[in-house]
Amino acid sequence: MPKKITFILFFIFTGAGIAEARLTVTDKLSTYRRGSSEERIDLATRLGKSFSSLSPGLDRDYFIKCLEETVNIGDPRDLELDEAVRLCVAAHRGSGEE
């Protein structure tokens, strides 16, 4: 399972049209906090498209909610978004909604 997540995160980073100013999973959580609503929704949409093949519950709405909760709790330090995404996927798996 970790290899699938790593592959999906790599795909999101490399295949997401990096020429545009978009949030990517290699951005810091602090960058996500400062991002616009459109940028956050765009990232959640890309994550949902990539992860919904693992589980239908890992959709755009789930990532919007989970990333907001994860990023806004405590001090994000220099953590990258991929770590928050991994937490979201693990939380979903732990909830038994596979």
PDB file of N, CA and C in Angstrom:
ATOM      1  N   MET A   1       0.805  -1.198   0.000  1.00  0.00           N
ATOM      2  CA  MET A   1       0.000   0.000   0.000  1.00  0.00           C
ATOM      3  C   MET A   1       0.855   1.273   0.000  1.00  0.00           C
ATOM      4  N   PRO A   2       1.931   1.378   0.813  1.00  0.00           N
ATOM      5  CA  PRO A   2       2.742   2.592   0.781  1.00  0.00           C
ATOM      6  C   PRO A   2       3.329   2.874  -0.602  1.00  0.00           C
ATOM      7  N   LYS A   3       3.653   1.849  -1.376  1.00  0.00           N
ATOM      8  CA  LYS A   3       4.186   2.066  -2.713  1.00  0.00           C
ATOM      9  C   LYS A   3       3.139   2.697  -3.614  1.00  0.00           C
ATOM     10  N   LYS A   4       1.869   2.284  -3.462  1.00  0.00           N
ATOM     11  CA  LYS A   4       0.797   2.878  -4.256  1.00  0.00           C
ATOM     12  C   LYS A   4       0.647   4.353  -3.931  1.00  0.00           C
ATOM     13  N   ILE A   5       0.690   4.688  -2.649  1.00  0.00           N
ATOM     14  CA  ILE A   5       0.547   6.083  -2.233  1.00  0.00           C
ATOM     15  C   ILE A   5       1.713   6.901  -2.765  1.00  0.00           C
ATOM     16  N   THR A   6       2.927   6.376  -2.667  1.00  0.00           N
ATOM     17  CA  THR A   6       4.092   7.090  -3.161  1.00  0.00           C
ATOM     18  C   THR A   6       3.981   7.306  -4.663  1.00  0.00           C
ATOM     19  N   PHE A   7       3.545   6.288  -5.402  1.00  0.00           N
ATOM     20  CA  PHE A   7       3.374   6.418  -6.841  1.00  0.00           C
ATOM     21  C   PHE A   7       2.336   7.480  -7.176  1.00  0.00           C
ATOM     22  N   ILE A   8       1.223   7.461  -6.465  1.00  0.00           N
ATOM     23  CA  ILE A   8       0.157   8.431  -6.724  1.00  0.00           C
ATOM     24  C   ILE A   8       0.647   9.844  -6.424  1.00  0.00           C
ATOM     25  N   LEU A   9       1.355  10.025  -5.308  1.00  0.00           N
ATOM     26  CA  LEU A   9       1.885  11.348  -4.980  1.00  0.00           C
ATOM     27  C   LEU A   9       2.882  11.800  -6.039  1.00  0.00           C
ATOM     28  N   PHE A  10       3.725  10.894  -6.520  1.00  0.00           N
ATOM     29  CA  PHE A  10       4.670  11.227  -7.576  1.00  0.00           C
ATOM     30  C   PHE A  10       3.926  11.651  -8.832  1.00  0.00           C
ATOM     31  N   PHE A  11       2.875  10.922  -9.190  1.00  0.00           N
ATOM     32  CA  PHE A  11       2.080  11.247 -10.370  1.00  0.00           C
ATOM     33  C   PHE A  11       1.456  12.631 -10.234  1.00  0.00           C
ATOM     34  N   ILE A  12       0.916  12.929  -9.064  1.00  0.00           N
ATOM     35  CA  ILE A  12       0.283  14.231  -8.851  1.00  0.00           C
ATOM     36  C   ILE A  12       1.308  15.339  -9.021  1.00  0.00           C
ATOM     37  N   PHE A  13       2.505  15.126  -8.495  1.00  0.00           N
ATOM     38  CA  PHE A  13       3.536  16.149  -8.570  1.00  0.00           C
ATOM     39  C   PHE A  13       4.046  16.342  -9.988  1.00  0.00           C
ATOM     40  N   THR A  14       4.327  15.246 -10.680  1.00  0.00           N
ATOM     41  CA  THR A  14       4.951  15.361 -11.992  1.00  0.00           C
ATOM     42  C   THR A  14       3.956  15.552 -13.126  1.00  0.00           C
ATOM     43  N   GLY A  15       2.742  15.062 -12.977  1.00  0.00           N
ATOM     44  CA  GLY A  15       1.805  15.116 -14.084  1.00  0.00           C
ATOM     45  C   GLY A  15       0.735  16.176 -13.931  1.00  0.00           C
ATOM     46  N   ALA A  16       0.931  17.108 -13.068  1.00  0.00           N
ATOM     47  CA  ALA A  16      -0.143  18.043 -12.756  1.00  0.00           C
ATOM     48  C   ALA A  16      -0.020  19.375 -13.471  1.00  0.00           C
ATOM     49  N   GLY A  17       0.839  19.488 -14.466  1.00  0.00           N
ATOM     50  CA  GLY A  17       0.958  20.762 -15.148  1.00  0.00           C
ATOM     51  C   GLY A  17       1.651  21.786 -14.282  1.00  0.00           C
ATOM     52  N   ILE A  18       2.865  21.511 -13.914  1.00  0.00           N
ATOM     53  CA  ILE A  18       3.583  22.328 -12.948  1.00  0.00           C
ATOM     54  C   ILE A  18       3.861  23.722 -13.478  1.00  0.00           C
ATOM     55  N   ALA A  19       3.729  23.950 -14.770  1.00  0.00           N
ATOM     56  CA  ALA A  19       3.985  25.268 -15.325  1.00  0.00           C
ATOM     57  C   ALA A  19       3.046  26.307 -14.732  1.00  0.00           C
ATOM     58  N   GLU A  20       1.855  25.877 -14.338  1.00  0.00           N
ATOM     59  CA  GLU A  20       0.912  26.791 -13.713  1.00  0.00           C
ATOM     60  C   GLU A  20       1.269  26.960 -12.242  1.00  0.00           C
ATOM     61  N   ALA A  21       0.858  28.074 -11.664  1.00  0.00           N
ATOM     62  CA  ALA A  21       1.085  28.293 -10.232  1.00  0.00           C
ATOM     63  C   ALA A  21       0.010  27.525  -9.479  1.00  0.00           C
ATOM     64  N   ARG A  22       0.337  26.310  -9.085  1.00  0.00           N
ATOM     65  CA  ARG A  22      -0.606  25.446  -8.404  1.00  0.00           C
ATOM     66  C   ARG A  22       0.044  24.899  -7.155  1.00  0.00           C
ATOM     67  N   LEU A  23      -0.805  24.559  -6.211  1.00  0.00           N
ATOM     68  CA  LEU A  23      -0.305  23.857  -5.037  1.00  0.00           C
ATOM     69  C   LEU A  23       0.061  22.441  -5.451  1.00  0.00           C
ATOM     70  N   THR A  24       1.172  21.947  -4.916  1.00  0.00           N
ATOM     71  CA  THR A  24       1.582  20.575  -5.168  1.00  0.00           C
ATOM     72  C   THR A  24       1.843  19.909  -3.827  1.00  0.00           C
ATOM     73  N   VAL A  25       1.983  18.599  -3.848  1.00  0.00           N
ATOM     74  CA  VAL A  25       2.202  17.868  -2.609  1.00  0.00           C
ATOM     75  C   VAL A  25       3.582  18.122  -2.021  1.00  0.00           C
ATOM     76  N   THR A  26       4.464  18.765  -2.763  1.00  0.00           N
ATOM     77  CA  THR A  26       5.784  19.090  -2.220  1.00  0.00           C
ATOM     78  C   THR A  26       5.820  20.478  -1.582  1.00  0.00           C
ATOM     79  N   ASP A  27       4.715  21.207  -1.661  1.00  0.00           N
ATOM     80  CA  ASP A  27       4.630  22.511  -0.987  1.00  0.00           C
ATOM     81  C   ASP A  27       4.542  22.320   0.521  1.00  0.00           C
ATOM     82  N   LYS A  28       4.963  23.308   1.227  1.00  0.00           N
ATOM     83  CA  LYS A  28       4.878  23.300   2.693  1.00  0.00           C
ATOM     84  C   LYS A  28       3.428  23.536   3.122  1.00  0.00           C
ATOM     85  N   LEU A  29       3.094  23.048   4.306  1.00  0.00           N
ATOM     86  CA  LEU A  29       1.745  23.277   4.844  1.00  0.00           C
ATOM     87  C   LEU A  29       1.469  24.766   5.001  1.00  0.00           C
ATOM     88  N   SER A  30       2.492  25.526   5.312  1.00  0.00           N
ATOM     89  CA  SER A  30       2.307  26.972   5.446  1.00  0.00           C
ATOM     90  C   SER A  30       1.918  27.597   4.102  1.00  0.00           C
ATOM     91  N   THR A  31       2.415  27.052   3.004  1.00  0.00           N
ATOM     92  CA  THR A  31       2.032  27.540   1.673  1.00  0.00           C
ATOM     93  C   THR A  31       0.561  27.230   1.414  1.00  0.00           C
ATOM     94  N   TYR A  32       0.126  26.042   1.818  1.00  0.00           N
ATOM     95  CA  TYR A  32      -1.283  25.668   1.669  1.00  0.00           C
ATOM     96  C   TYR A  32      -2.174  26.637   2.445  1.00  0.00           C
ATOM     97  N   ARG A  33      -1.759  26.977   3.645  1.00  0.00           N
ATOM     98  CA  ARG A  33      -2.545  27.917   4.465  1.00  0.00           C
ATOM     99  C   ARG A  33      -2.740  29.245   3.753  1.00  0.00           C
ATOM    100  N   ARG A  34      -1.724  29.698   3.035  1.00  0.00           N
ATOM    101  CA  ARG A  34      -1.789  30.984   2.347  1.00  0.00           C
ATOM    102  C   ARG A  34      -2.428  30.881   0.963  1.00  0.00           C
ATOM    103  N   GLY A  35      -2.654  29.659   0.487  1.00  0.00           N
ATOM    104  CA  GLY A  35      -3.221  29.469  -0.846  1.00  0.00           C
ATOM    105  C   GLY A  35      -4.661  29.946  -0.927  1.00  0.00           C
ATOM    106  N   SER A  36      -5.075  30.272  -2.128  1.00  0.00           N
ATOM    107  CA  SER A  36      -6.458  30.714  -2.335  1.00  0.00           C
ATOM    108  C   SER A  36      -7.405  29.514  -2.266  1.00  0.00           C
ATOM    109  N   SER A  37      -8.669  29.802  -2.140  1.00  0.00           N
ATOM    110  CA  SER A  37      -9.677  28.736  -2.132  1.00  0.00           C
ATOM    111  C   SER A  37      -9.629  27.939  -3.422  1.00  0.00           C
ATOM    112  N   GLU A  38      -9.432  28.627  -4.543  1.00  0.00           N
ATOM    113  CA  GLU A  38      -9.374  27.946  -5.830  1.00  0.00           C
ATOM    114  C   GLU A  38      -8.185  26.986  -5.888  1.00  0.00           C
ATOM    115  N   GLU A  39      -7.039  27.416  -5.361  1.00  0.00           N
ATOM    116  CA  GLU A  39      -5.860  26.548  -5.355  1.00  0.00           C
ATOM    117  C   GLU A  39      -6.088  25.324  -4.471  1.00  0.00           C
ATOM    118  N   ARG A  40      -6.718  25.523  -3.332  1.00  0.00           N
ATOM    119  CA  ARG A  40      -6.993  24.415  -2.416  1.00  0.00           C
ATOM    120  C   ARG A  40      -7.970  23.421  -3.035  1.00  0.00           C
ATOM    121  N   ILE A  41      -9.006  23.939  -3.682  1.00  0.00           N
ATOM    122  CA  ILE A  41      -9.997  23.074  -4.325  1.00  0.00           C
ATOM    123  C   ILE A  41      -9.357  22.322  -5.490  1.00  0.00           C
ATOM    124  N   ASP A  42      -8.506  23.000  -6.239  1.00  0.00           N
ATOM    125  CA  ASP A  42      -7.810  22.362  -7.349  1.00  0.00           C
ATOM    126  C   ASP A  42      -6.956  21.200  -6.852  1.00  0.00           C
ATOM    127  N   LEU A  43      -6.208  21.410  -5.782  1.00  0.00           N
ATOM    128  CA  LEU A  43      -5.381  20.344  -5.222  1.00  0.00           C
ATOM    129  C   LEU A  43      -6.254  19.187  -4.741  1.00  0.00           C
ATOM    130  N   ALA A  44      -7.321  19.489  -4.021  1.00  0.00           N
ATOM    131  CA  ALA A  44      -8.216  18.440  -3.515  1.00  0.00           C
ATOM    132  C   ALA A  44      -8.861  17.668  -4.664  1.00  0.00           C
ATOM    133  N   THR A  45      -9.179  18.352  -5.745  1.00  0.00           N
ATOM    134  CA  THR A  45      -9.763  17.695  -6.917  1.00  0.00           C
ATOM    135  C   THR A  45      -8.769  16.720  -7.532  1.00  0.00           C
ATOM    136  N   ARG A  46      -7.512  17.160  -7.681  1.00  0.00           N
ATOM    137  CA  ARG A  46      -6.485  16.278  -8.236  1.00  0.00           C
ATOM    138  C   ARG A  46      -6.237  15.081  -7.323  1.00  0.00           C
ATOM    139  N   LEU A  47      -6.211  15.318  -6.009  1.00  0.00           N
ATOM    140  CA  LEU A  47      -6.029  14.219  -5.065  1.00  0.00           C
ATOM    141  C   LEU A  47      -7.190  13.240  -5.147  1.00  0.00           C
ATOM    142  N   GLY A  48      -8.400  13.771  -5.181  1.00  0.00           N
ATOM    143  CA  GLY A  48      -9.586  12.919  -5.272  1.00  0.00           C
ATOM    144  C   GLY A  48      -9.589  12.066  -6.524  1.00  0.00           C
ATOM    145  N   LYS A  49      -9.205  12.655  -7.653  1.00  0.00           N
ATOM    146  CA  LYS A  49      -9.146  11.892  -8.902  1.00  0.00           C
ATOM    147  C   LYS A  49      -8.112  10.779  -8.808  1.00  0.00           C
ATOM    148  N   SER A  50      -7.004  11.054  -8.146  1.00  0.00           N
ATOM    149  CA  SER A  50      -5.940  10.059  -8.045  1.00  0.00           C
ATOM    150  C   SER A  50      -6.246   8.969  -7.027  1.00  0.00           C
ATOM    151  N   PHE A  51      -6.795   9.343  -5.891  1.00  0.00           N
ATOM    152  CA  PHE A  51      -6.980   8.380  -4.800  1.00  0.00           C
ATOM    153  C   PHE A  51      -8.318   7.663  -4.821  1.00  0.00           C
ATOM    154  N   SER A  52      -9.286   8.148  -5.574  1.00  0.00           N
ATOM    155  CA  SER A  52     -10.601   7.490  -5.569  1.00  0.00           C
ATOM    156  C   SER A  52     -10.517   6.068  -6.122  1.00  0.00           C
ATOM    157  N   SER A  53      -9.457   5.769  -6.873  1.00  0.00           N
ATOM    158  CA  SER A  53      -9.300   4.391  -7.351  1.00  0.00           C
ATOM    159  C   SER A  53      -8.942   3.446  -6.205  1.00  0.00           C
ATOM    160  N   LEU A  54      -8.330   3.980  -5.140  1.00  0.00           N
ATOM    161  CA  LEU A  54      -8.039   3.164  -3.958  1.00  0.00           C
ATOM    162  C   LEU A  54      -9.284   2.949  -3.119  1.00  0.00           C
ATOM    163  N   SER A  55     -10.098   3.996  -3.027  1.00  0.00           N
ATOM    164  CA  SER A  55     -11.335   3.933  -2.256  1.00  0.00           C
ATOM    165  C   SER A  55     -12.244   5.071  -2.715  1.00  0.00           C
ATOM    166  N   PRO A  56     -13.501   4.793  -3.015  1.00  0.00           N
ATOM    167  CA  PRO A  56     -14.411   5.839  -3.483  1.00  0.00           C
ATOM    168  C   PRO A  56     -14.583   6.990  -2.486  1.00  0.00           C
ATOM    169  N   GLY A  57     -14.362   6.727  -1.201  1.00  0.00           N
ATOM    170  CA  GLY A  57     -14.513   7.772  -0.188  1.00  0.00           C
ATOM    171  C   GLY A  57     -13.396   8.796  -0.191  1.00  0.00           C
ATOM    172  N   LEU A  58     -12.306   8.483  -0.877  1.00  0.00           N
ATOM    173  CA  LEU A  58     -11.180   9.417  -0.963  1.00  0.00           C
ATOM    174  C   LEU A  58     -11.409  10.351  -2.150  1.00  0.00           C
ATOM    175  N   ASP A  59     -12.428  11.177  -2.009  1.00  0.00           N
ATOM    176  CA  ASP A  59     -12.798  12.084  -3.091  1.00  0.00           C
ATOM    177  C   ASP A  59     -12.409  13.526  -2.751  1.00  0.00           C
ATOM    178  N   ARG A  60     -12.745  14.428  -3.642  1.00  0.00           N
ATOM    179  CA  ARG A  60     -12.405  15.842  -3.474  1.00  0.00           C
ATOM    180  C   ARG A  60     -12.917  16.389  -2.145  1.00  0.00           C
ATOM    181  N   ASP A  61     -14.172  16.110  -1.824  1.00  0.00           N
ATOM    182  CA  ASP A  61     -14.760  16.646  -0.594  1.00  0.00           C
ATOM    183  C   ASP A  61     -14.031  16.135   0.639  1.00  0.00           C
ATOM    184  N   TYR A  62     -13.645  14.862   0.616  1.00  0.00           N
ATOM    185  CA  TYR A  62     -12.908  14.306   1.753  1.00  0.00           C
ATOM    186  C   TYR A  62     -11.578  15.030   1.926  1.00  0.00           C
ATOM    187  N   PHE A  63     -10.846  15.228   0.825  1.00  0.00           N
ATOM    188  CA  PHE A  63      -9.546  15.884   0.937  1.00  0.00           C
ATOM    189  C   PHE A  63      -9.665  17.353   1.328  1.00  0.00           C
ATOM    190  N   ILE A  64     -10.690  18.027   0.857  1.00  0.00           N
ATOM    191  CA  ILE A  64     -10.889  19.425   1.277  1.00  0.00           C
ATOM    192  C   ILE A  64     -11.035  19.474   2.800  1.00  0.00           C
ATOM    193  N   LYS A  65     -11.930  18.659   3.313  1.00  0.00           N
ATOM    194  CA  LYS A  65     -12.189  18.651   4.757  1.00  0.00           C
ATOM    195  C   LYS A  65     -10.961  18.200   5.541  1.00  0.00           C
ATOM    196  N   CYS A  66     -10.360  17.096   5.138  1.00  0.00           N
ATOM    197  CA  CYS A  66      -9.239  16.529   5.892  1.00  0.00           C
ATOM    198  C   CYS A  66      -8.018  17.446   5.870  1.00  0.00           C
ATOM    199  N   LEU A  67      -7.684  18.000   4.710  1.00  0.00           N
ATOM    200  CA  LEU A  67      -6.526  18.889   4.646  1.00  0.00           C
ATOM    201  C   LEU A  67      -6.742  20.152   5.464  1.00  0.00           C
ATOM    202  N   GLU A  68      -7.940  20.694   5.416  1.00  0.00           N
ATOM    203  CA  GLU A  68      -8.233  21.880   6.227  1.00  0.00           C
ATOM    204  C   GLU A  68      -8.038  21.574   7.706  1.00  0.00           C
ATOM    205  N   GLU A  69      -8.583  20.456   8.153  1.00  0.00           N
ATOM    206  CA  GLU A  69      -8.449  20.078   9.558  1.00  0.00           C
ATOM    207  C   GLU A  69      -7.000  19.798   9.923  1.00  0.00           C
ATOM    208  N   THR A  70      -6.289  19.093   9.064  1.00  0.00           N
ATOM    209  CA  THR A  70      -4.897  18.733   9.340  1.00  0.00           C
ATOM    210  C   THR A  70      -3.998  19.955   9.369  1.00  0.00           C
ATOM    211  N   VAL A  71      -4.151  20.829   8.417  1.00  0.00           N
ATOM    212  CA  VAL A  71      -3.283  22.003   8.305  1.00  0.00           C
ATOM    213  C   VAL A  71      -3.560  23.023   9.405  1.00  0.00           C
ATOM    214  N   ASN A  72      -4.794  23.130   9.824  1.00  0.00           N
ATOM    215  CA  ASN A  72      -5.148  24.168  10.792  1.00  0.00           C
ATOM    216  C   ASN A  72      -5.007  23.746  12.245  1.00  0.00           C
ATOM    217  N   ILE A  73      -4.564  22.524  12.483  1.00  0.00           N
ATOM    218  CA  ILE A  73      -4.347  22.070  13.857  1.00  0.00           C
ATOM    219  C   ILE A  73      -2.871  22.227  14.180  1.00  0.00           C
ATOM    220  N   GLY A  74      -2.576  23.032  15.154  1.00  0.00           N
ATOM    221  CA  GLY A  74      -1.199  23.173  15.622  1.00  0.00           C
ATOM    222  C   GLY A  74      -0.302  23.936  14.670  1.00  0.00           C
ATOM    223  N   ASP A  75       0.997  23.779  14.870  1.00  0.00           N
ATOM    224  CA  ASP A  75       2.011  24.455  14.091  1.00  0.00           C
ATOM    225  C   ASP A  75       2.486  23.528  12.980  1.00  0.00           C
ATOM    226  N   PRO A  76       2.328  23.923  11.726  1.00  0.00           N
ATOM    227  CA  PRO A  76       2.706  23.030  10.635  1.00  0.00           C
ATOM    228  C   PRO A  76       4.217  22.881  10.448  1.00  0.00           C
ATOM    229  N   ARG A  77       5.003  23.705  11.108  1.00  0.00           N
ATOM    230  CA  ARG A  77       6.458  23.674  10.949  1.00  0.00           C
ATOM    231  C   ARG A  77       6.813  23.676   9.468  1.00  0.00           C
ATOM    232  N   ASP A  78       7.768  22.872   9.106  1.00  0.00           N
ATOM    233  CA  ASP A  78       8.191  22.794   7.707  1.00  0.00           C
ATOM    234  C   ASP A  78       7.700  21.522   7.031  1.00  0.00           C
ATOM    235  N   LEU A  79       6.587  20.984   7.498  1.00  0.00           N
ATOM    236  CA  LEU A  79       6.045  19.763   6.906  1.00  0.00           C
ATOM    237  C   LEU A  79       5.519  20.054   5.500  1.00  0.00           C
ATOM    238  N   GLU A  80       5.602  19.051   4.649  1.00  0.00           N
ATOM    239  CA  GLU A  80       5.086  19.181   3.290  1.00  0.00           C
ATOM    240  C   GLU A  80       3.682  18.596   3.214  1.00  0.00           C
ATOM    241  N   LEU A  81       2.959  19.013   2.199  1.00  0.00           N
ATOM    242  CA  LEU A  81       1.591  18.545   2.020  1.00  0.00           C
ATOM    243  C   LEU A  81       1.500  17.035   1.848  1.00  0.00           C
ATOM    244  N   ASP A  82       2.530  16.402   1.286  1.00  0.00           N
ATOM    245  CA  ASP A  82       2.442  14.953   1.109  1.00  0.00           C
ATOM    246  C   ASP A  82       2.285  14.234   2.439  1.00  0.00           C
ATOM    247  N   GLU A  83       2.857  14.797   3.499  1.00  0.00           N
ATOM    248  CA  GLU A  83       2.696  14.190   4.819  1.00  0.00           C
ATOM    249  C   GLU A  83       1.257  14.328   5.308  1.00  0.00           C
ATOM    250  N   ALA A  84       0.629  15.466   5.040  1.00  0.00           N
ATOM    251  CA  ALA A  84      -0.774  15.653   5.402  1.00  0.00           C
ATOM    252  C   ALA A  84      -1.670  14.724   4.587  1.00  0.00           C
ATOM    253  N   VAL A  85      -1.343  14.548   3.313  1.00  0.00           N
ATOM    254  CA  VAL A  85      -2.120  13.638   2.458  1.00  0.00           C
ATOM    255  C   VAL A  85      -2.018  12.208   2.988  1.00  0.00           C
ATOM    256  N   ARG A  86      -0.819  11.807   3.379  1.00  0.00           N
ATOM    257  CA  ARG A  86      -0.634  10.461   3.941  1.00  0.00           C
ATOM    258  C   ARG A  86      -1.464  10.295   5.215  1.00  0.00           C
ATOM    259  N   LEU A  87      -1.500  11.331   6.049  1.00  0.00           N
ATOM    260  CA  LEU A  87      -2.318  11.275   7.267  1.00  0.00           C
ATOM    261  C   LEU A  87      -3.798  11.129   6.914  1.00  0.00           C
ATOM    262  N   CYS A  88      -4.232  11.859   5.914  1.00  0.00           N
ATOM    263  CA  CYS A  88      -5.636  11.780   5.497  1.00  0.00           C
ATOM    264  C   CYS A  88      -5.990  10.384   4.991  1.00  0.00           C
ATOM    265  N   VAL A  89      -5.107   9.806   4.172  1.00  0.00           N
ATOM    266  CA  VAL A  89      -5.356   8.462   3.650  1.00  0.00           C
ATOM    267  C   VAL A  89      -5.363   7.451   4.798  1.00  0.00           C
ATOM    268  N   ALA A  90      -4.410   7.587   5.715  1.00  0.00           N
ATOM    269  CA  ALA A  90      -4.346   6.659   6.862  1.00  0.00           C
ATOM    270  C   ALA A  90      -5.590   6.809   7.733  1.00  0.00           C
ATOM    271  N   ALA A  91      -6.052   8.022   7.949  1.00  0.00           N
ATOM    272  CA  ALA A  91      -7.249   8.240   8.760  1.00  0.00           C
ATOM    273  C   ALA A  91      -8.469   7.609   8.089  1.00  0.00           C
ATOM    274  N   HIS A  92      -8.532   7.710   6.785  1.00  0.00           N
ATOM    275  CA  HIS A  92      -9.664   7.115   6.060  1.00  0.00           C
ATOM    276  C   HIS A  92      -9.629   5.603   6.167  1.00  0.00           C
ATOM    277  N   ARG A  93      -8.453   5.034   6.027  1.00  0.00           N
ATOM    278  CA  ARG A  93      -8.291   3.571   6.149  1.00  0.00           C
ATOM    279  C   ARG A  93      -8.629   3.124   7.565  1.00  0.00           C
ATOM    280  N   GLY A  94      -8.227   3.928   8.559  1.00  0.00           N
ATOM    281  CA  GLY A  94      -8.489   3.592   9.949  1.00  0.00           C
ATOM    282  C   GLY A  94      -9.953   3.683  10.326  1.00  0.00           C
ATOM    283  N   SER A  95     -10.723   4.443   9.550  1.00  0.00           N
ATOM    284  CA  SER A  95     -12.145   4.577   9.845  1.00  0.00           C
ATOM    285  C   SER A  95     -12.959   3.393   9.334  1.00  0.00           C
ATOM    286  N   GLY A  96     -12.299   2.515   8.576  1.00  0.00           N
ATOM    287  CA  GLY A  96     -12.982   1.331   8.061  1.00  0.00           C
ATOM    288  C   GLY A  96     -13.853   1.604   6.855  1.00  0.00           C
ATOM    289  N   GLU A  97     -13.662   2.740   6.187  1.00  0.00           N
ATOM    290  CA  GLU A  97     -14.477   3.099   5.036  1.00  0.00           C
ATOM    291  C   GLU A  97     -13.806   2.733   3.727  1.00  0.00           C
ATOM    292  N   GLU A  98     -13.113   1.612   3.666  1.00  0.00           N
ATOM    293  CA  GLU A  98     -12.399   1.230   2.439  1.00  0.00           C
ATOM    294  C   GLU A  98     -13.320   0.776   1.367  1.00  0.00           C
TER     295      GLU A  98
END
